[in-house]
Each structure stands twice: as structure tokens, then as C-alpha cells.
N, C-alpha and C. Protein backbone atom coordinates (compact mmCIF):
# COMPACT_ATOMS: atom_id res chain seq x y z
N MET A 1 3.04 -13.65 18.11
CA MET A 1 2.48 -12.66 17.15
C MET A 1 3.48 -11.48 17.05
N ALA A 2 4.06 -11.20 15.94
CA ALA A 2 4.96 -10.11 15.72
C ALA A 2 4.29 -8.78 15.45
N ILE A 3 4.70 -7.76 16.25
CA ILE A 3 4.07 -6.43 16.11
C ILE A 3 5.13 -5.46 15.67
N SER A 4 4.84 -4.57 14.77
CA SER A 4 5.72 -3.47 14.38
C SER A 4 5.05 -2.24 14.40
N THR A 5 5.66 -1.16 14.87
CA THR A 5 5.10 0.23 14.83
C THR A 5 6.20 1.07 14.18
N SER A 6 5.77 1.81 13.17
CA SER A 6 6.79 2.71 12.47
C SER A 6 6.07 3.80 11.75
N HIS A 7 6.94 4.77 11.39
CA HIS A 7 6.45 5.84 10.47
C HIS A 7 6.62 5.31 9.03
N GLU A 8 5.46 5.16 8.38
CA GLU A 8 5.51 4.71 6.98
C GLU A 8 5.82 5.78 6.05
N ILE A 9 6.82 5.76 5.30
CA ILE A 9 7.11 6.80 4.23
C ILE A 9 7.00 6.03 2.82
N GLU A 10 6.10 6.47 2.06
CA GLU A 10 5.97 5.73 0.81
C GLU A 10 5.63 6.68 -0.33
N VAL A 11 5.81 6.13 -1.56
CA VAL A 11 5.41 6.83 -2.84
C VAL A 11 5.29 5.75 -3.86
N LYS A 12 4.37 5.98 -4.80
CA LYS A 12 4.11 4.98 -5.91
C LYS A 12 4.38 5.69 -7.15
N LEU A 13 4.81 4.90 -8.16
CA LEU A 13 4.98 5.32 -9.58
C LEU A 13 4.19 4.28 -10.45
N ARG A 14 3.58 4.76 -11.50
CA ARG A 14 3.06 3.81 -12.48
C ARG A 14 4.22 3.16 -13.14
N CYS A 15 4.25 1.92 -13.31
CA CYS A 15 5.41 1.30 -13.80
C CYS A 15 4.98 -0.14 -14.30
N ASP A 16 5.37 -0.57 -15.50
CA ASP A 16 5.04 -1.93 -16.05
C ASP A 16 5.91 -2.92 -15.60
N SER A 17 7.15 -2.69 -15.12
CA SER A 17 8.08 -3.70 -14.59
C SER A 17 9.14 -3.01 -13.74
N VAL A 18 9.85 -3.83 -13.11
CA VAL A 18 11.00 -3.20 -12.25
C VAL A 18 12.28 -3.08 -13.12
N ALA A 19 12.33 -3.34 -14.39
CA ALA A 19 13.44 -3.20 -15.24
C ALA A 19 14.04 -1.76 -15.13
N ALA A 20 13.08 -0.74 -15.08
CA ALA A 20 13.58 0.65 -15.13
C ALA A 20 14.36 0.92 -13.89
N LEU A 21 14.02 0.33 -12.78
CA LEU A 21 14.90 0.51 -11.56
C LEU A 21 16.30 -0.01 -11.74
N GLU A 22 16.34 -1.20 -12.26
CA GLU A 22 17.72 -1.75 -12.50
C GLU A 22 18.50 -0.94 -13.52
N ARG A 23 17.92 -0.47 -14.47
CA ARG A 23 18.60 0.38 -15.49
C ARG A 23 19.09 1.72 -14.76
N ALA A 24 18.38 2.08 -13.83
CA ALA A 24 18.78 3.40 -13.01
C ALA A 24 19.84 3.11 -12.00
N GLY A 25 20.31 1.79 -11.88
CA GLY A 25 21.37 1.56 -11.01
C GLY A 25 20.89 1.06 -9.63
N ILE A 26 19.63 0.83 -9.46
CA ILE A 26 19.00 0.29 -8.20
C ILE A 26 19.13 -1.33 -8.24
N LYS A 27 19.82 -1.82 -7.39
CA LYS A 27 19.99 -3.25 -7.28
C LYS A 27 18.81 -3.83 -6.46
N LEU A 28 18.18 -4.87 -7.11
CA LEU A 28 17.01 -5.44 -6.47
C LEU A 28 17.24 -6.89 -5.98
N GLU A 29 16.79 -7.27 -4.85
CA GLU A 29 16.97 -8.65 -4.32
C GLU A 29 15.57 -9.12 -4.01
N LEU A 30 15.17 -10.19 -4.59
CA LEU A 30 13.78 -10.71 -4.33
C LEU A 30 13.68 -11.09 -2.81
N GLU A 31 12.67 -10.49 -2.10
CA GLU A 31 12.40 -10.92 -0.72
C GLU A 31 11.12 -11.78 -0.64
N ARG A 32 10.20 -11.50 -1.58
CA ARG A 32 8.94 -12.40 -1.55
C ARG A 32 8.40 -12.43 -2.97
N ALA A 33 8.29 -13.68 -3.43
CA ALA A 33 7.83 -13.92 -4.79
C ALA A 33 6.44 -13.44 -4.98
N ARG A 34 6.06 -13.19 -6.33
CA ARG A 34 4.69 -12.79 -6.61
C ARG A 34 3.67 -13.59 -5.93
N HIS A 35 2.69 -12.87 -5.24
CA HIS A 35 1.71 -13.50 -4.52
C HIS A 35 0.33 -12.71 -4.57
N PHE A 36 -0.71 -13.30 -4.33
CA PHE A 36 -1.99 -12.71 -4.41
C PHE A 36 -2.46 -12.15 -3.04
N GLU A 37 -3.03 -10.98 -3.02
CA GLU A 37 -3.42 -10.41 -1.73
C GLU A 37 -4.90 -9.91 -1.86
N GLU A 38 -5.63 -10.25 -0.81
CA GLU A 38 -7.02 -9.77 -0.64
C GLU A 38 -6.88 -8.70 0.56
N ASN A 39 -7.56 -7.66 0.35
CA ASN A 39 -7.45 -6.58 1.38
C ASN A 39 -8.91 -6.10 1.64
N TRP A 40 -9.17 -5.87 2.88
CA TRP A 40 -10.49 -5.33 3.28
C TRP A 40 -10.24 -4.24 4.21
N LEU A 41 -10.94 -3.06 3.97
CA LEU A 41 -10.88 -1.92 4.96
C LEU A 41 -12.13 -1.90 5.70
N PHE A 42 -11.99 -1.56 6.99
CA PHE A 42 -13.10 -1.51 7.91
C PHE A 42 -13.24 -0.12 8.50
N ASP A 43 -14.48 0.14 9.00
CA ASP A 43 -14.85 1.48 9.66
C ASP A 43 -15.96 1.17 10.56
N THR A 44 -16.19 2.12 11.45
CA THR A 44 -17.33 2.15 12.32
C THR A 44 -18.59 2.51 11.49
N PRO A 45 -19.81 2.18 11.95
CA PRO A 45 -21.03 2.58 11.18
C PRO A 45 -21.08 4.01 10.98
N ASP A 46 -20.54 4.90 11.89
CA ASP A 46 -20.59 6.41 11.67
C ASP A 46 -19.26 6.92 11.03
N HIS A 47 -18.53 6.03 10.46
CA HIS A 47 -17.31 6.42 9.59
C HIS A 47 -16.30 7.13 10.45
N GLN A 48 -16.12 6.78 11.66
CA GLN A 48 -15.03 7.55 12.45
C GLN A 48 -13.68 7.51 11.90
N LEU A 49 -13.28 6.31 11.35
CA LEU A 49 -11.99 6.12 10.82
C LEU A 49 -11.75 6.94 9.52
N GLY A 50 -12.74 6.81 8.63
CA GLY A 50 -12.66 7.41 7.29
C GLY A 50 -12.72 8.97 7.40
N SER A 51 -13.57 9.46 8.37
CA SER A 51 -13.66 10.98 8.43
C SER A 51 -12.38 11.55 8.93
N SER A 52 -11.59 10.78 9.77
CA SER A 52 -10.32 11.34 10.26
C SER A 52 -9.11 10.81 9.43
N LEU A 53 -9.37 10.12 8.34
CA LEU A 53 -8.35 9.64 7.45
C LEU A 53 -7.37 8.52 8.19
N GLY A 54 -8.08 7.82 9.08
CA GLY A 54 -7.44 6.65 9.65
C GLY A 54 -7.78 5.39 8.82
N VAL A 55 -6.94 4.31 9.02
CA VAL A 55 -7.22 3.14 8.17
C VAL A 55 -7.11 1.87 9.08
N LEU A 56 -8.14 0.98 8.97
CA LEU A 56 -8.06 -0.28 9.66
C LEU A 56 -8.20 -1.27 8.54
N ARG A 57 -7.20 -2.13 8.32
CA ARG A 57 -7.19 -3.07 7.17
C ARG A 57 -6.79 -4.49 7.67
N VAL A 58 -7.41 -5.43 7.04
CA VAL A 58 -7.10 -6.88 7.10
C VAL A 58 -6.65 -7.33 5.79
N ARG A 59 -5.45 -7.89 5.73
CA ARG A 59 -4.90 -8.43 4.48
C ARG A 59 -4.67 -9.90 4.61
N ALA A 60 -5.15 -10.69 3.62
CA ALA A 60 -4.94 -12.09 3.56
C ALA A 60 -4.10 -12.49 2.37
N THR A 61 -3.11 -13.39 2.60
CA THR A 61 -2.31 -13.84 1.49
C THR A 61 -1.75 -15.16 1.85
N GLU A 62 -2.03 -16.19 1.01
CA GLU A 62 -1.49 -17.50 1.19
C GLU A 62 -1.78 -18.13 2.56
N GLY A 63 -2.93 -17.95 3.12
CA GLY A 63 -3.40 -18.52 4.37
C GLY A 63 -3.06 -17.76 5.62
N THR A 64 -2.25 -16.65 5.48
CA THR A 64 -1.87 -15.92 6.64
C THR A 64 -2.28 -14.45 6.36
N GLY A 65 -1.99 -13.58 7.32
CA GLY A 65 -2.33 -12.12 6.98
C GLY A 65 -1.77 -11.18 7.94
N LEU A 66 -2.26 -9.90 7.80
CA LEU A 66 -1.80 -8.81 8.54
C LEU A 66 -3.04 -7.96 8.99
N LEU A 67 -3.00 -7.51 10.25
CA LEU A 67 -3.91 -6.50 10.69
C LEU A 67 -3.11 -5.18 10.74
N THR A 68 -3.56 -4.15 10.15
CA THR A 68 -2.81 -2.91 10.06
C THR A 68 -3.74 -1.71 10.41
N TYR A 69 -3.23 -0.89 11.23
CA TYR A 69 -3.87 0.39 11.64
C TYR A 69 -2.93 1.52 11.12
N LYS A 70 -3.46 2.45 10.31
CA LYS A 70 -2.60 3.63 9.99
C LYS A 70 -3.37 4.82 10.59
N ALA A 71 -2.54 5.55 11.42
CA ALA A 71 -3.13 6.68 12.16
C ALA A 71 -3.34 7.84 11.26
N PRO A 72 -4.42 8.65 11.47
CA PRO A 72 -4.52 9.86 10.63
C PRO A 72 -3.33 10.77 10.84
N PRO A 73 -3.10 11.67 9.86
CA PRO A 73 -2.04 12.60 10.00
C PRO A 73 -2.49 13.55 11.10
N THR A 74 -1.47 14.17 11.92
CA THR A 74 -1.76 15.11 12.94
C THR A 74 -1.13 16.50 12.53
N ALA A 75 -1.58 17.52 13.25
CA ALA A 75 -1.00 18.83 12.97
C ALA A 75 0.51 18.93 13.17
N ASP A 76 0.99 18.10 14.07
CA ASP A 76 2.41 18.09 14.39
C ASP A 76 3.19 17.06 13.63
N SER A 77 2.51 16.30 12.67
CA SER A 77 3.27 15.31 11.83
C SER A 77 4.42 16.00 11.22
N PRO A 78 5.66 15.38 11.04
CA PRO A 78 6.72 15.97 10.31
C PRO A 78 6.27 16.21 8.83
N VAL A 79 6.73 17.30 8.34
CA VAL A 79 6.47 17.70 6.96
C VAL A 79 7.24 16.71 6.05
N SER A 80 6.68 16.28 4.91
CA SER A 80 7.35 15.42 3.94
C SER A 80 6.80 15.59 2.59
N GLN A 81 7.62 15.36 1.69
CA GLN A 81 7.20 15.46 0.29
C GLN A 81 6.53 14.14 -0.14
N PHE A 82 6.63 13.17 0.73
CA PHE A 82 6.00 11.83 0.48
C PHE A 82 4.88 11.57 1.50
N LYS A 83 4.22 10.44 1.22
CA LYS A 83 3.20 10.09 2.19
C LYS A 83 3.79 9.55 3.44
N LYS A 84 3.44 10.11 4.66
CA LYS A 84 4.01 9.82 5.89
C LYS A 84 3.04 9.73 6.97
N ARG A 85 2.96 8.48 7.63
CA ARG A 85 2.02 8.33 8.76
C ARG A 85 2.52 7.28 9.67
N ILE A 86 1.95 7.23 10.88
CA ILE A 86 2.26 6.11 11.81
C ILE A 86 1.54 4.89 11.39
N GLU A 87 2.21 3.73 11.46
CA GLU A 87 1.58 2.46 11.01
C GLU A 87 1.85 1.42 12.13
N ILE A 88 0.81 0.78 12.62
CA ILE A 88 1.00 -0.34 13.57
C ILE A 88 0.40 -1.58 12.89
N GLU A 89 1.26 -2.68 12.87
CA GLU A 89 0.84 -3.96 12.19
C GLU A 89 1.14 -5.12 13.00
N THR A 90 0.30 -6.10 12.87
CA THR A 90 0.54 -7.38 13.52
C THR A 90 0.20 -8.51 12.61
N THR A 91 0.93 -9.53 12.68
CA THR A 91 0.61 -10.76 11.83
C THR A 91 -0.60 -11.53 12.29
N LEU A 92 -1.33 -12.17 11.35
CA LEU A 92 -2.54 -12.88 11.67
C LEU A 92 -2.34 -14.34 11.14
N GLY A 93 -2.67 -15.34 12.02
CA GLY A 93 -2.57 -16.78 11.54
C GLY A 93 -3.85 -17.08 10.76
N ASP A 94 -4.96 -16.33 11.02
CA ASP A 94 -6.22 -16.69 10.41
C ASP A 94 -6.96 -15.35 10.06
N PRO A 95 -6.72 -14.73 8.92
CA PRO A 95 -7.35 -13.41 8.66
C PRO A 95 -8.83 -13.50 8.56
N GLU A 96 -9.38 -14.62 8.17
CA GLU A 96 -10.87 -14.65 8.10
C GLU A 96 -11.48 -14.62 9.51
N ARG A 97 -10.86 -15.21 10.46
CA ARG A 97 -11.32 -15.02 11.90
C ARG A 97 -11.22 -13.57 12.35
N MET A 98 -10.24 -12.89 11.89
CA MET A 98 -10.12 -11.48 12.33
C MET A 98 -11.23 -10.70 11.66
N VAL A 99 -11.55 -11.01 10.48
CA VAL A 99 -12.62 -10.34 9.77
C VAL A 99 -13.93 -10.57 10.66
N ALA A 100 -14.11 -11.82 11.04
CA ALA A 100 -15.35 -12.13 11.84
C ALA A 100 -15.45 -11.41 13.19
N ILE A 101 -14.17 -11.25 13.82
CA ILE A 101 -14.07 -10.58 15.16
C ILE A 101 -14.41 -9.14 14.96
N LEU A 102 -13.89 -8.51 13.82
CA LEU A 102 -14.19 -7.08 13.69
C LEU A 102 -15.54 -6.89 13.40
N ASP A 103 -16.19 -7.82 12.64
CA ASP A 103 -17.68 -7.68 12.38
C ASP A 103 -18.41 -7.78 13.67
N LYS A 104 -18.17 -8.73 14.62
CA LYS A 104 -18.83 -8.89 15.90
C LYS A 104 -18.58 -7.73 16.76
N LEU A 105 -17.51 -6.96 16.61
CA LEU A 105 -17.21 -5.70 17.41
C LEU A 105 -17.98 -4.53 16.77
N GLY A 106 -18.62 -4.69 15.67
CA GLY A 106 -19.43 -3.56 15.10
C GLY A 106 -18.69 -2.82 13.97
N TYR A 107 -17.45 -3.26 13.63
CA TYR A 107 -16.87 -2.67 12.38
C TYR A 107 -17.54 -3.16 11.13
N ARG A 108 -17.57 -2.37 10.09
CA ARG A 108 -18.15 -2.96 8.87
C ARG A 108 -17.13 -2.84 7.80
N LYS A 109 -17.16 -3.95 6.95
CA LYS A 109 -16.26 -4.07 5.85
C LYS A 109 -16.80 -3.17 4.75
N TRP A 110 -16.07 -2.14 4.34
CA TRP A 110 -16.62 -1.28 3.33
C TRP A 110 -15.84 -1.09 1.99
N PHE A 111 -14.63 -1.67 1.99
CA PHE A 111 -13.93 -1.54 0.66
C PHE A 111 -12.94 -2.81 0.58
N HIS A 112 -13.08 -3.41 -0.52
CA HIS A 112 -12.27 -4.69 -0.86
C HIS A 112 -11.43 -4.45 -2.05
N TYR A 113 -10.16 -4.60 -1.91
CA TYR A 113 -9.27 -4.51 -3.02
C TYR A 113 -8.23 -5.68 -3.10
N GLN A 114 -7.83 -6.04 -4.36
CA GLN A 114 -6.99 -7.11 -4.60
C GLN A 114 -5.74 -6.66 -5.47
N LYS A 115 -4.74 -7.42 -5.23
CA LYS A 115 -3.51 -7.15 -6.05
C LYS A 115 -2.61 -8.35 -6.07
N TYR A 116 -1.67 -8.43 -7.04
CA TYR A 116 -0.57 -9.30 -6.98
C TYR A 116 0.63 -8.49 -6.61
N ARG A 117 1.41 -8.94 -5.64
CA ARG A 117 2.46 -8.13 -5.19
C ARG A 117 3.78 -8.97 -5.13
N THR A 118 4.90 -8.35 -5.58
CA THR A 118 6.25 -8.91 -5.50
C THR A 118 7.08 -7.94 -4.69
N VAL A 119 7.86 -8.46 -3.68
CA VAL A 119 8.53 -7.58 -2.74
C VAL A 119 10.07 -7.81 -3.03
N TYR A 120 10.73 -6.59 -3.04
CA TYR A 120 12.14 -6.55 -3.24
C TYR A 120 12.89 -5.83 -2.18
N GLY A 121 14.03 -6.20 -1.75
CA GLY A 121 14.94 -5.24 -1.02
C GLY A 121 15.76 -4.51 -2.08
N ALA A 122 15.94 -3.21 -1.86
CA ALA A 122 16.69 -2.37 -2.91
C ALA A 122 17.90 -1.78 -2.34
N LEU A 123 19.03 -1.76 -3.08
CA LEU A 123 20.16 -1.04 -2.71
C LEU A 123 20.50 0.04 -3.73
N LEU A 124 20.62 1.22 -3.27
CA LEU A 124 20.92 2.38 -4.14
C LEU A 124 22.44 2.44 -4.36
N PRO A 125 22.95 3.14 -5.35
CA PRO A 125 24.36 3.28 -5.54
C PRO A 125 25.08 3.84 -4.46
N ASN A 126 24.40 4.70 -3.69
CA ASN A 126 25.03 5.39 -2.53
C ASN A 126 25.00 4.59 -1.24
N GLY A 127 24.54 3.34 -1.33
CA GLY A 127 24.50 2.43 -0.17
C GLY A 127 23.19 2.46 0.60
N ALA A 128 22.35 3.37 0.28
CA ALA A 128 21.04 3.40 1.02
C ALA A 128 20.18 2.24 0.63
N ARG A 129 19.32 1.87 1.58
CA ARG A 129 18.43 0.65 1.32
C ARG A 129 16.98 1.08 1.47
N LEU A 130 16.16 0.42 0.74
CA LEU A 130 14.68 0.57 0.97
C LEU A 130 13.95 -0.61 0.45
N GLN A 131 12.66 -0.62 0.63
CA GLN A 131 11.85 -1.72 0.15
C GLN A 131 11.09 -1.32 -1.00
N VAL A 132 10.95 -2.16 -1.99
CA VAL A 132 10.21 -1.90 -3.23
C VAL A 132 9.22 -3.03 -3.46
N MET A 133 8.07 -2.53 -3.64
CA MET A 133 6.89 -3.52 -3.96
C MET A 133 6.43 -3.26 -5.38
N PHE A 134 6.24 -4.31 -6.18
CA PHE A 134 5.76 -4.25 -7.54
C PHE A 134 4.38 -4.77 -7.41
N ASP A 135 3.36 -3.94 -7.62
CA ASP A 135 1.91 -4.30 -7.44
C ASP A 135 1.18 -4.32 -8.89
N GLU A 136 0.59 -5.41 -9.14
CA GLU A 136 -0.28 -5.52 -10.28
C GLU A 136 -1.75 -5.39 -9.72
N THR A 137 -2.38 -4.43 -10.15
CA THR A 137 -3.79 -4.18 -9.69
C THR A 137 -4.78 -4.04 -10.85
N PRO A 138 -6.08 -4.15 -10.58
CA PRO A 138 -7.05 -4.01 -11.71
C PRO A 138 -7.00 -2.68 -12.41
N ILE A 139 -6.22 -1.57 -11.88
CA ILE A 139 -6.11 -0.35 -12.53
C ILE A 139 -4.78 -0.14 -13.02
N GLY A 140 -3.94 -1.16 -13.19
CA GLY A 140 -2.58 -1.11 -13.72
C GLY A 140 -1.56 -1.54 -12.73
N SER A 141 -0.24 -1.34 -13.18
CA SER A 141 0.86 -1.81 -12.34
C SER A 141 1.50 -0.59 -11.76
N PHE A 142 2.02 -0.76 -10.54
CA PHE A 142 2.72 0.36 -9.78
C PHE A 142 3.97 -0.22 -9.02
N VAL A 143 4.92 0.61 -8.86
CA VAL A 143 6.09 0.23 -8.01
C VAL A 143 5.97 1.24 -6.84
N GLU A 144 6.06 0.68 -5.69
CA GLU A 144 5.85 1.41 -4.43
C GLU A 144 7.13 1.32 -3.65
N PHE A 145 7.65 2.48 -3.15
CA PHE A 145 8.85 2.57 -2.46
C PHE A 145 8.57 2.89 -1.02
N GLU A 146 9.14 2.22 -0.06
CA GLU A 146 9.05 2.48 1.35
C GLU A 146 10.45 2.48 2.01
N GLY A 147 10.66 3.42 2.80
CA GLY A 147 11.90 3.49 3.48
C GLY A 147 12.21 4.93 4.17
N GLU A 148 13.41 5.13 4.47
CA GLU A 148 13.76 6.41 5.02
C GLU A 148 13.52 7.49 3.90
N GLU A 149 13.10 8.68 4.30
CA GLU A 149 12.81 9.77 3.30
C GLU A 149 13.88 9.98 2.33
N GLU A 150 15.07 10.10 2.86
CA GLU A 150 16.24 10.51 1.96
C GLU A 150 16.46 9.38 0.97
N ALA A 151 16.33 8.15 1.32
CA ALA A 151 16.46 7.02 0.37
C ALA A 151 15.46 7.03 -0.66
N VAL A 152 14.13 7.32 -0.21
CA VAL A 152 13.03 7.33 -1.24
C VAL A 152 13.25 8.47 -2.16
N ALA A 153 13.82 9.64 -1.69
CA ALA A 153 14.02 10.84 -2.62
C ALA A 153 15.14 10.51 -3.56
N ASP A 154 16.24 9.81 -3.09
CA ASP A 154 17.31 9.40 -3.91
C ASP A 154 16.80 8.48 -5.10
N ALA A 155 15.95 7.62 -4.70
CA ALA A 155 15.37 6.65 -5.71
C ALA A 155 14.60 7.40 -6.77
N MET A 156 13.79 8.44 -6.33
CA MET A 156 13.06 9.26 -7.29
C MET A 156 14.02 10.01 -8.21
N ARG A 157 15.13 10.52 -7.64
CA ARG A 157 16.11 11.28 -8.52
C ARG A 157 16.72 10.30 -9.52
N LEU A 158 17.15 9.11 -9.07
CA LEU A 158 17.73 8.22 -9.95
C LEU A 158 16.80 7.77 -11.16
N LEU A 159 15.57 7.68 -10.78
CA LEU A 159 14.60 7.34 -11.86
C LEU A 159 14.13 8.56 -12.67
N GLY A 160 14.47 9.74 -12.26
CA GLY A 160 14.06 10.96 -13.04
C GLY A 160 12.58 11.09 -12.85
N ALA A 161 12.04 10.72 -11.77
CA ALA A 161 10.52 10.85 -11.59
C ALA A 161 10.18 12.28 -11.13
N ARG A 162 9.42 12.89 -12.01
CA ARG A 162 8.96 14.31 -11.67
C ARG A 162 7.88 14.22 -10.52
N ARG A 163 7.71 15.29 -9.93
CA ARG A 163 6.78 15.39 -8.84
C ARG A 163 5.44 14.95 -9.25
N ASP A 164 4.99 15.37 -10.42
CA ASP A 164 3.62 15.07 -10.93
C ASP A 164 3.44 13.46 -11.31
N GLU A 165 4.57 12.82 -11.30
CA GLU A 165 4.50 11.41 -11.60
C GLU A 165 4.48 10.59 -10.31
N GLN A 166 4.81 11.22 -9.17
CA GLN A 166 4.86 10.57 -7.88
C GLN A 166 3.50 10.56 -7.28
N ILE A 167 2.95 9.29 -6.96
CA ILE A 167 1.64 9.16 -6.45
C ILE A 167 1.64 8.94 -4.96
N LEU A 168 0.97 9.74 -4.26
CA LEU A 168 0.83 9.70 -2.76
C LEU A 168 -0.50 9.16 -2.37
N LEU A 169 -1.34 8.88 -3.32
CA LEU A 169 -2.73 8.32 -3.08
C LEU A 169 -2.68 6.82 -2.73
N SER A 170 -3.66 6.46 -1.92
CA SER A 170 -3.79 4.99 -1.59
C SER A 170 -4.53 4.36 -2.84
N TYR A 171 -4.59 2.94 -2.77
CA TYR A 171 -5.38 2.39 -3.85
C TYR A 171 -6.87 2.76 -3.75
N LEU A 172 -7.37 2.83 -2.50
CA LEU A 172 -8.72 3.32 -2.29
C LEU A 172 -8.96 4.67 -2.92
N ALA A 173 -8.05 5.70 -2.77
CA ALA A 173 -8.15 6.99 -3.32
C ALA A 173 -8.08 6.88 -4.82
N LEU A 174 -7.16 6.12 -5.40
CA LEU A 174 -6.99 5.93 -6.77
C LEU A 174 -8.25 5.43 -7.43
N GLN A 175 -8.90 4.43 -6.74
CA GLN A 175 -10.15 3.79 -7.24
C GLN A 175 -11.31 4.80 -7.14
N ALA A 176 -11.35 5.55 -6.03
CA ALA A 176 -12.44 6.65 -6.05
C ALA A 176 -12.23 7.66 -7.12
N GLU A 177 -11.00 8.03 -7.40
CA GLU A 177 -10.76 9.04 -8.53
C GLU A 177 -11.18 8.46 -9.79
N ARG A 178 -10.84 7.17 -10.09
CA ARG A 178 -11.14 6.47 -11.29
C ARG A 178 -12.68 6.43 -11.46
N CYS A 179 -13.47 6.01 -10.45
CA CYS A 179 -14.82 5.83 -10.55
C CYS A 179 -15.55 7.24 -10.88
N SER A 180 -15.03 8.26 -10.19
CA SER A 180 -15.56 9.54 -10.40
C SER A 180 -15.33 10.02 -11.86
N HIS A 181 -14.15 9.88 -12.34
CA HIS A 181 -13.74 10.24 -13.61
C HIS A 181 -14.51 9.45 -14.74
N GLU A 182 -14.89 8.19 -14.46
CA GLU A 182 -15.67 7.46 -15.43
C GLU A 182 -17.21 7.65 -15.12
N GLY A 183 -17.54 8.47 -14.20
CA GLY A 183 -18.97 8.78 -13.92
C GLY A 183 -19.91 7.61 -13.43
N ARG A 184 -19.21 6.70 -12.64
CA ARG A 184 -20.02 5.64 -12.11
C ARG A 184 -19.81 5.59 -10.57
N PRO A 185 -20.74 4.74 -9.92
CA PRO A 185 -20.60 4.73 -8.44
C PRO A 185 -19.32 4.10 -7.98
N PHE A 186 -18.93 4.47 -6.77
CA PHE A 186 -17.70 3.85 -6.23
C PHE A 186 -17.86 2.35 -6.03
N GLU A 187 -16.89 1.62 -6.34
CA GLU A 187 -16.97 0.16 -6.19
C GLU A 187 -15.65 -0.50 -5.75
N ASP A 188 -15.69 -1.71 -5.38
CA ASP A 188 -14.42 -2.49 -5.02
C ASP A 188 -13.43 -2.47 -6.16
N LEU A 189 -12.22 -2.58 -5.77
CA LEU A 189 -11.11 -2.70 -6.75
C LEU A 189 -10.65 -4.15 -6.88
N VAL A 190 -11.34 -4.95 -7.71
CA VAL A 190 -11.08 -6.36 -7.76
C VAL A 190 -10.94 -6.80 -9.11
N PHE A 191 -10.16 -7.95 -9.39
CA PHE A 191 -9.98 -8.38 -10.73
C PHE A 191 -11.24 -9.19 -11.20
N ASP A 192 -11.32 -9.08 -12.61
CA ASP A 192 -12.37 -10.00 -13.20
C ASP A 192 -11.88 -11.40 -12.91
N SER A 193 -12.79 -12.35 -12.74
CA SER A 193 -12.39 -13.73 -12.36
C SER A 193 -11.53 -14.37 -13.32
N SER A 194 -11.37 -13.82 -14.58
CA SER A 194 -10.52 -14.45 -15.60
C SER A 194 -9.06 -14.02 -15.49
N VAL A 195 -8.80 -13.01 -14.66
CA VAL A 195 -7.41 -12.47 -14.52
C VAL A 195 -6.65 -13.24 -13.47
N GLY A 196 -5.33 -13.40 -13.74
CA GLY A 196 -4.43 -13.97 -12.77
C GLY A 196 -3.40 -14.77 -13.36
């Protein structure tokens, strides 16, 4: 079982395709072809994770998956213009069993979201590298950048992305914002069964 621990630095932009990145001089190399992802967020019955902005997620895709814990920001967390937090992740051979284990331990599944994701390695003109994910979600398409802060900032400059276009919110927060704006109760972020 592979385990990785890192500081995750990321930012999203609304984007219909990755063509804009290539026009800006960002070279993309396909790392993982388009695939469907099921994601479930878990919390304790008294919302310990959510109230501290921590995240416990099970992701399932093509029969395997990932268990991810994202630590809540701390007072001594380095200042960043992007979303930055500690992330601990491990691969899962059977995500459905992990869901069952978490359930037996008293965690509750409280948010379900889906997306189609394509993963690229990106090379900037200055030689910096980062990872780019193109996500197709029920609320539109996004390109997400992950990497060293300077590389992410360079990508934003190349794309001419203004601060107000850079999205630091999670898909959970984007869905909550959408439901609130539309005046309806919060709900899962899933595709209509006819989409795909």
C-alpha cells in the first residue's frame, strides 16, 4: 500500500478544455486518460472534521481507490495565495470495503460527488513542472493545478488568470454555494443518470 504525505497547493479555474493552457505555452503530457470518479466525504456524528475544516474522503475509480485525509489549516500554516494544506493519502484495493469499515467505526457518509477527470503532467516555458487535472462535473468543467507554489503562480500568469477567476473552494463548497444561490437544500453533486 503506497502512502504519500505532502503539502497540497492547488487552485482551480473554470475552463471548457485544456486548449487554453497549450495556447499559453504550457506543454501537457497525458498521465491518466479520462476516467469516472465517485467520491464520498465522511465525518463523525458530531461533525468533528467538518467543524475544524478537516476532510476524510474515499475515492473510487475503475475498481481501485484512495483514502485521503486533509488536515485543517493551522495558525502557523505558511501563508499562500492558493489553497494550501497537509494531505495524507493511501491507495485502496477495495474502496467499497473501506466505506464499510468507516461506517462500522462510526463515521457517517455525508456528501457524495462525482466527476470525470483527466490528469496531465505540465511543463511551463521556464522548466517548472506541475500537475494539471481537467475535471468535468455536474456544475461545469474546471482545470485544477497542483504543484509548488511558484509553478502554480507562473501558470496563472501565463494564462492571464485574475485573482477573482482563481477558485480556492472545494467541490463541496462550490456545491453549497450553488444550492444556497438557487434557494434549495444542500444536496450531493452527482450527474443525472443520462450524463456520461
